[in-house]
Amino acid sequence: MRTPTIAAIEAVLLAPAVLFLTAVRVRELKVLPAAVILLAERVVALYAGRVWTLWVLLLALPLLVLATGGAMLFCVPGHSVAADALVPMIKARSKATEFFLGATTVTAGAIVAIVVLHMLAN
């Protein structure tokens, strides 16, 4: 697989968590139209109504993105078998792809931190 494909897959894997966290934030904004707030309420209710969504969509998928993004960004060729397998992809990536990988990795880390802190608070 090429690095841009991995970056696109990471964005798709993060989409459910970003949707939920955005809906939670939009619910609190009273300056938006009522229809937007109602839609945000429905998204939050959809996630809250299913137990597995917390574990899969809000924790497992962002952790997967964090791990793969970190591996793609921080693997040093010659130091491990996994890094040596990634050498063609590491050499082939552009600055835009590297920026996108970094952005999705940082976003995944932030999502994991928010979810874990929320779980510890409850």
N, C-alpha and C. Protein backbone atom coordinates (compact mmCIF):
# COMPACT_ATOMS: atom_id res chain seq x y z
N MET A 1 0.84 -1.18 0.00
CA MET A 1 0.00 0.00 0.00
C MET A 1 0.88 1.24 0.00
N ARG A 2 0.46 2.27 -0.67
CA ARG A 2 1.22 3.51 -0.72
C ARG A 2 0.81 4.41 0.45
N THR A 3 1.69 5.30 0.78
CA THR A 3 1.46 6.18 1.93
C THR A 3 0.21 7.05 1.78
N PRO A 4 -0.09 7.64 0.61
CA PRO A 4 -1.33 8.42 0.52
C PRO A 4 -2.58 7.57 0.79
N THR A 5 -2.53 6.30 0.41
CA THR A 5 -3.67 5.42 0.68
C THR A 5 -3.82 5.21 2.18
N ILE A 6 -2.71 5.01 2.86
CA ILE A 6 -2.75 4.83 4.32
C ILE A 6 -3.28 6.10 4.98
N ALA A 7 -2.84 7.26 4.51
CA ALA A 7 -3.32 8.52 5.07
C ALA A 7 -4.82 8.67 4.87
N ALA A 8 -5.33 8.29 3.71
CA ALA A 8 -6.78 8.36 3.45
C ALA A 8 -7.55 7.39 4.34
N ILE A 9 -7.00 6.19 4.52
CA ILE A 9 -7.65 5.21 5.39
C ILE A 9 -7.70 5.72 6.83
N GLU A 10 -6.62 6.36 7.26
CA GLU A 10 -6.60 6.92 8.61
C GLU A 10 -7.69 7.98 8.78
N ALA A 11 -7.89 8.81 7.77
CA ALA A 11 -8.93 9.84 7.85
C ALA A 11 -10.31 9.20 7.94
N VAL A 12 -10.53 8.14 7.20
CA VAL A 12 -11.82 7.43 7.24
C VAL A 12 -12.04 6.80 8.61
N LEU A 13 -10.98 6.22 9.18
CA LEU A 13 -11.10 5.60 10.50
C LEU A 13 -11.36 6.62 11.60
N LEU A 14 -10.88 7.83 11.43
CA LEU A 14 -11.11 8.88 12.43
C LEU A 14 -12.48 9.56 12.30
N ALA A 15 -13.10 9.45 11.15
CA ALA A 15 -14.35 10.17 10.87
C ALA A 15 -15.45 9.94 11.92
N PRO A 16 -15.72 8.70 12.36
CA PRO A 16 -16.80 8.53 13.36
C PRO A 16 -16.51 9.24 14.68
N ALA A 17 -15.28 9.21 15.14
CA ALA A 17 -14.94 9.88 16.40
C ALA A 17 -15.01 11.39 16.25
N VAL A 18 -14.54 11.90 15.12
CA VAL A 18 -14.61 13.35 14.88
C VAL A 18 -16.07 13.80 14.78
N LEU A 19 -16.90 13.00 14.12
CA LEU A 19 -18.33 13.32 14.02
C LEU A 19 -18.96 13.40 15.41
N PHE A 20 -18.68 12.42 16.27
CA PHE A 20 -19.28 12.42 17.60
C PHE A 20 -18.80 13.60 18.43
N LEU A 21 -17.49 13.84 18.46
CA LEU A 21 -16.97 14.93 19.28
C LEU A 21 -17.43 16.29 18.77
N THR A 22 -17.58 16.42 17.46
CA THR A 22 -18.13 17.66 16.90
C THR A 22 -19.59 17.83 17.31
N ALA A 23 -20.36 16.75 17.27
CA ALA A 23 -21.76 16.82 17.66
C ALA A 23 -21.91 17.19 19.13
N VAL A 24 -21.04 16.65 19.97
CA VAL A 24 -21.09 16.99 21.39
C VAL A 24 -20.84 18.49 21.58
N ARG A 25 -19.88 19.02 20.85
CA ARG A 25 -19.56 20.45 20.98
C ARG A 25 -20.67 21.32 20.39
N VAL A 26 -21.23 20.92 19.26
CA VAL A 26 -22.29 21.71 18.61
C VAL A 26 -23.53 21.78 19.48
N ARG A 27 -23.82 20.71 20.23
CA ARG A 27 -24.98 20.71 21.13
C ARG A 27 -24.93 21.85 22.12
N GLU A 28 -23.72 22.22 22.54
CA GLU A 28 -23.56 23.25 23.56
C GLU A 28 -23.63 24.67 23.00
N LEU A 29 -23.51 24.82 21.69
CA LEU A 29 -23.55 26.15 21.07
C LEU A 29 -24.99 26.56 20.83
N LYS A 30 -25.43 27.54 21.53
CA LYS A 30 -26.83 27.97 21.44
C LYS A 30 -27.04 29.00 20.33
N VAL A 31 -25.98 29.45 19.67
CA VAL A 31 -26.12 30.46 18.62
C VAL A 31 -26.45 29.84 17.26
N LEU A 32 -26.37 28.54 17.16
CA LEU A 32 -26.66 27.86 15.90
C LEU A 32 -28.15 27.65 15.72
N PRO A 33 -28.60 27.45 14.48
CA PRO A 33 -30.03 27.18 14.26
C PRO A 33 -30.48 25.91 14.99
N ALA A 34 -31.74 25.88 15.33
CA ALA A 34 -32.29 24.76 16.10
C ALA A 34 -32.16 23.44 15.36
N ALA A 35 -32.25 23.47 14.03
CA ALA A 35 -32.14 22.24 13.25
C ALA A 35 -30.75 21.62 13.38
N VAL A 36 -29.73 22.45 13.42
CA VAL A 36 -28.36 21.95 13.56
C VAL A 36 -28.16 21.34 14.94
N ILE A 37 -28.67 22.00 15.95
CA ILE A 37 -28.54 21.48 17.32
C ILE A 37 -29.32 20.17 17.46
N LEU A 38 -30.49 20.09 16.84
CA LEU A 38 -31.29 18.86 16.88
C LEU A 38 -30.54 17.71 16.19
N LEU A 39 -29.92 17.99 15.07
CA LEU A 39 -29.13 16.98 14.37
C LEU A 39 -27.97 16.50 15.24
N ALA A 40 -27.31 17.43 15.92
CA ALA A 40 -26.22 17.06 16.82
C ALA A 40 -26.73 16.20 17.97
N GLU A 41 -27.90 16.53 18.49
CA GLU A 41 -28.51 15.73 19.56
C GLU A 41 -28.78 14.30 19.08
N ARG A 42 -29.26 14.17 17.84
CA ARG A 42 -29.53 12.84 17.30
C ARG A 42 -28.26 12.02 17.12
N VAL A 43 -27.19 12.66 16.68
CA VAL A 43 -25.91 11.95 16.52
C VAL A 43 -25.42 11.46 17.88
N VAL A 44 -25.47 12.32 18.89
CA VAL A 44 -25.03 11.93 20.23
C VAL A 44 -25.91 10.81 20.77
N ALA A 45 -27.21 10.90 20.56
CA ALA A 45 -28.12 9.84 21.02
C ALA A 45 -27.84 8.52 20.31
N LEU A 46 -27.50 8.59 19.03
CA LEU A 46 -27.19 7.38 18.26
C LEU A 46 -25.97 6.67 18.86
N TYR A 47 -24.94 7.43 19.16
CA TYR A 47 -23.74 6.85 19.76
C TYR A 47 -24.02 6.35 21.18
N ALA A 48 -24.76 7.14 21.96
CA ALA A 48 -25.02 6.79 23.36
C ALA A 48 -25.92 5.57 23.48
N GLY A 49 -26.72 5.29 22.48
CA GLY A 49 -27.64 4.17 22.54
C GLY A 49 -26.99 2.82 22.31
N ARG A 50 -25.75 2.81 21.95
CA ARG A 50 -25.05 1.55 21.67
C ARG A 50 -23.76 1.50 22.49
N VAL A 51 -23.59 0.45 23.26
CA VAL A 51 -22.44 0.34 24.15
C VAL A 51 -21.13 0.19 23.38
N TRP A 52 -21.16 -0.52 22.28
CA TRP A 52 -19.93 -0.81 21.54
C TRP A 52 -19.32 0.42 20.88
N THR A 53 -20.11 1.50 20.68
CA THR A 53 -19.57 2.66 19.98
C THR A 53 -18.42 3.31 20.73
N LEU A 54 -18.50 3.33 22.06
CA LEU A 54 -17.41 3.92 22.83
C LEU A 54 -16.12 3.15 22.60
N TRP A 55 -16.20 1.86 22.68
CA TRP A 55 -14.99 1.05 22.59
C TRP A 55 -14.43 0.97 21.18
N VAL A 56 -15.29 0.84 20.20
CA VAL A 56 -14.80 0.66 18.82
C VAL A 56 -14.57 2.00 18.13
N LEU A 57 -15.61 2.81 18.04
CA LEU A 57 -15.51 4.04 17.25
C LEU A 57 -14.75 5.16 17.95
N LEU A 58 -14.79 5.19 19.28
CA LEU A 58 -14.15 6.30 19.98
C LEU A 58 -12.82 5.94 20.62
N LEU A 59 -12.48 4.66 20.68
CA LEU A 59 -11.22 4.28 21.31
C LEU A 59 -10.36 3.40 20.41
N ALA A 60 -10.90 2.30 19.90
CA ALA A 60 -10.09 1.36 19.12
C ALA A 60 -9.63 1.96 17.79
N LEU A 61 -10.53 2.58 17.04
CA LEU A 61 -10.13 3.14 15.75
C LEU A 61 -9.13 4.29 15.90
N PRO A 62 -9.35 5.25 16.81
CA PRO A 62 -8.32 6.27 16.99
C PRO A 62 -6.97 5.70 17.49
N LEU A 63 -7.01 4.67 18.33
CA LEU A 63 -5.75 4.04 18.76
C LEU A 63 -5.04 3.38 17.59
N LEU A 64 -5.80 2.78 16.69
CA LEU A 64 -5.22 2.18 15.49
C LEU A 64 -4.57 3.25 14.62
N VAL A 65 -5.24 4.37 14.44
CA VAL A 65 -4.68 5.47 13.65
C VAL A 65 -3.44 6.03 14.33
N LEU A 66 -3.47 6.16 15.64
CA LEU A 66 -2.31 6.65 16.38
C LEU A 66 -1.12 5.72 16.20
N ALA A 67 -1.35 4.43 16.26
CA ALA A 67 -0.26 3.46 16.12
C ALA A 67 0.29 3.45 14.70
N THR A 68 -0.58 3.39 13.71
CA THR A 68 -0.08 3.33 12.33
C THR A 68 0.56 4.65 11.91
N GLY A 69 -0.04 5.75 12.31
CA GLY A 69 0.55 7.05 11.99
C GLY A 69 1.90 7.24 12.66
N GLY A 70 1.98 6.83 13.91
CA GLY A 70 3.27 6.92 14.60
C GLY A 70 4.31 6.04 13.96
N ALA A 71 3.90 4.85 13.54
CA ALA A 71 4.85 3.95 12.87
C ALA A 71 5.32 4.54 11.55
N MET A 72 4.40 5.13 10.80
CA MET A 72 4.78 5.72 9.51
C MET A 72 5.67 6.94 9.68
N LEU A 73 5.44 7.72 10.73
CA LEU A 73 6.21 8.96 10.91
C LEU A 73 7.53 8.77 11.63
N PHE A 74 7.58 7.82 12.57
CA PHE A 74 8.73 7.75 13.44
C PHE A 74 9.60 6.50 13.29
N CYS A 75 9.25 5.60 12.37
CA CYS A 75 10.09 4.42 12.15
C CYS A 75 11.38 4.83 11.47
N VAL A 76 12.48 4.34 11.98
CA VAL A 76 13.79 4.64 11.41
C VAL A 76 14.28 3.39 10.70
N PRO A 77 14.47 3.46 9.37
CA PRO A 77 14.94 2.29 8.64
C PRO A 77 16.26 1.77 9.18
N GLY A 78 16.37 0.45 9.24
CA GLY A 78 17.59 -0.19 9.72
C GLY A 78 17.54 -0.58 11.18
N HIS A 79 16.52 -0.10 11.91
CA HIS A 79 16.44 -0.39 13.34
C HIS A 79 15.47 -1.50 13.69
N SER A 80 14.59 -1.86 12.78
CA SER A 80 13.65 -2.94 13.05
C SER A 80 13.16 -3.54 11.74
N VAL A 81 12.63 -4.73 11.84
CA VAL A 81 12.08 -5.39 10.65
C VAL A 81 10.90 -4.62 10.12
N ALA A 82 10.06 -4.11 11.01
CA ALA A 82 8.88 -3.35 10.57
C ALA A 82 9.31 -2.08 9.85
N ALA A 83 10.32 -1.39 10.36
CA ALA A 83 10.80 -0.17 9.71
C ALA A 83 11.39 -0.48 8.34
N ASP A 84 12.12 -1.60 8.23
CA ASP A 84 12.68 -1.97 6.93
C ASP A 84 11.59 -2.29 5.92
N ALA A 85 10.47 -2.85 6.38
CA ALA A 85 9.36 -3.15 5.49
C ALA A 85 8.68 -1.86 5.00
N LEU A 86 8.76 -0.80 5.82
CA LEU A 86 8.14 0.47 5.47
C LEU A 86 9.03 1.38 4.63
N VAL A 87 10.29 1.00 4.42
CA VAL A 87 11.25 1.87 3.73
C VAL A 87 10.74 2.39 2.39
N PRO A 88 10.19 1.55 1.51
CA PRO A 88 9.70 2.11 0.24
C PRO A 88 8.61 3.16 0.43
N MET A 89 7.72 2.95 1.39
CA MET A 89 6.65 3.92 1.63
C MET A 89 7.20 5.18 2.27
N ILE A 90 8.17 5.04 3.17
CA ILE A 90 8.74 6.20 3.83
C ILE A 90 9.48 7.08 2.83
N LYS A 91 10.20 6.48 1.91
CA LYS A 91 10.95 7.24 0.92
C LYS A 91 10.04 7.88 -0.12
N ALA A 92 8.90 7.25 -0.41
CA ALA A 92 8.03 7.71 -1.49
C ALA A 92 7.07 8.82 -1.07
N ARG A 93 6.92 9.08 0.20
CA ARG A 93 5.89 10.03 0.60
C ARG A 93 6.32 11.48 0.35
N SER A 94 5.34 12.29 0.05
CA SER A 94 5.58 13.70 -0.20
C SER A 94 5.41 14.49 1.09
N LYS A 95 5.74 15.76 1.03
CA LYS A 95 5.58 16.62 2.21
C LYS A 95 4.10 16.77 2.58
N ALA A 96 3.23 16.83 1.57
CA ALA A 96 1.80 16.94 1.85
C ALA A 96 1.28 15.69 2.54
N THR A 97 1.72 14.53 2.07
CA THR A 97 1.31 13.28 2.69
C THR A 97 1.84 13.19 4.10
N GLU A 98 3.08 13.60 4.29
CA GLU A 98 3.67 13.58 5.63
C GLU A 98 2.91 14.51 6.58
N PHE A 99 2.52 15.69 6.08
CA PHE A 99 1.74 16.62 6.90
C PHE A 99 0.39 16.01 7.25
N PHE A 100 -0.28 15.38 6.27
CA PHE A 100 -1.58 14.76 6.51
C PHE A 100 -1.46 13.62 7.51
N LEU A 101 -0.42 12.80 7.38
CA LEU A 101 -0.19 11.72 8.35
C LEU A 101 0.02 12.30 9.75
N GLY A 102 0.79 13.36 9.83
CA GLY A 102 1.02 14.00 11.13
C GLY A 102 -0.27 14.56 11.71
N ALA A 103 -1.09 15.18 10.86
CA ALA A 103 -2.35 15.76 11.33
C ALA A 103 -3.30 14.68 11.84
N THR A 104 -3.41 13.58 11.10
CA THR A 104 -4.32 12.52 11.55
C THR A 104 -3.78 11.84 12.81
N THR A 105 -2.47 11.73 12.93
CA THR A 105 -1.88 11.12 14.12
C THR A 105 -2.10 11.99 15.36
N VAL A 106 -1.90 13.28 15.21
CA VAL A 106 -2.12 14.20 16.33
C VAL A 106 -3.60 14.25 16.70
N THR A 107 -4.47 14.26 15.70
CA THR A 107 -5.91 14.25 15.96
C THR A 107 -6.32 12.97 16.70
N ALA A 108 -5.78 11.85 16.26
CA ALA A 108 -6.09 10.58 16.93
C ALA A 108 -5.62 10.60 18.38
N GLY A 109 -4.43 11.14 18.63
CA GLY A 109 -3.93 11.25 20.00
C GLY A 109 -4.82 12.12 20.86
N ALA A 110 -5.29 13.23 20.30
CA ALA A 110 -6.19 14.12 21.04
C ALA A 110 -7.52 13.44 21.35
N ILE A 111 -8.05 12.70 20.38
CA ILE A 111 -9.32 11.99 20.59
C ILE A 111 -9.16 10.94 21.68
N VAL A 112 -8.08 10.17 21.62
CA VAL A 112 -7.84 9.15 22.64
C VAL A 112 -7.72 9.81 24.02
N ALA A 113 -7.00 10.92 24.09
CA ALA A 113 -6.84 11.61 25.37
C ALA A 113 -8.18 12.10 25.91
N ILE A 114 -9.00 12.70 25.06
CA ILE A 114 -10.32 13.19 25.49
C ILE A 114 -11.19 12.05 25.99
N VAL A 115 -11.23 10.95 25.24
CA VAL A 115 -12.08 9.82 25.61
C VAL A 115 -11.59 9.19 26.91
N VAL A 116 -10.29 9.00 27.05
CA VAL A 116 -9.75 8.39 28.27
C VAL A 116 -9.99 9.29 29.48
N LEU A 117 -9.76 10.58 29.33
CA LEU A 117 -10.02 11.49 30.45
C LEU A 117 -11.50 11.50 30.82
N HIS A 118 -12.37 11.45 29.84
CA HIS A 118 -13.81 11.39 30.12
C HIS A 118 -14.17 10.09 30.85
N MET A 119 -13.57 8.98 30.42
CA MET A 119 -13.84 7.69 31.08
C MET A 119 -13.32 7.70 32.53
N LEU A 120 -12.18 8.31 32.76
CA LEU A 120 -11.63 8.37 34.12
C LEU A 120 -12.47 9.30 35.02
N ALA A 121 -13.07 10.33 34.42
CA ALA A 121 -13.89 11.25 35.20
C ALA A 121 -15.20 10.61 35.65
N ASN A 122 -15.66 9.63 34.90
CA ASN A 122 -16.91 8.95 35.28
C ASN A 122 -16.58 7.79 36.09
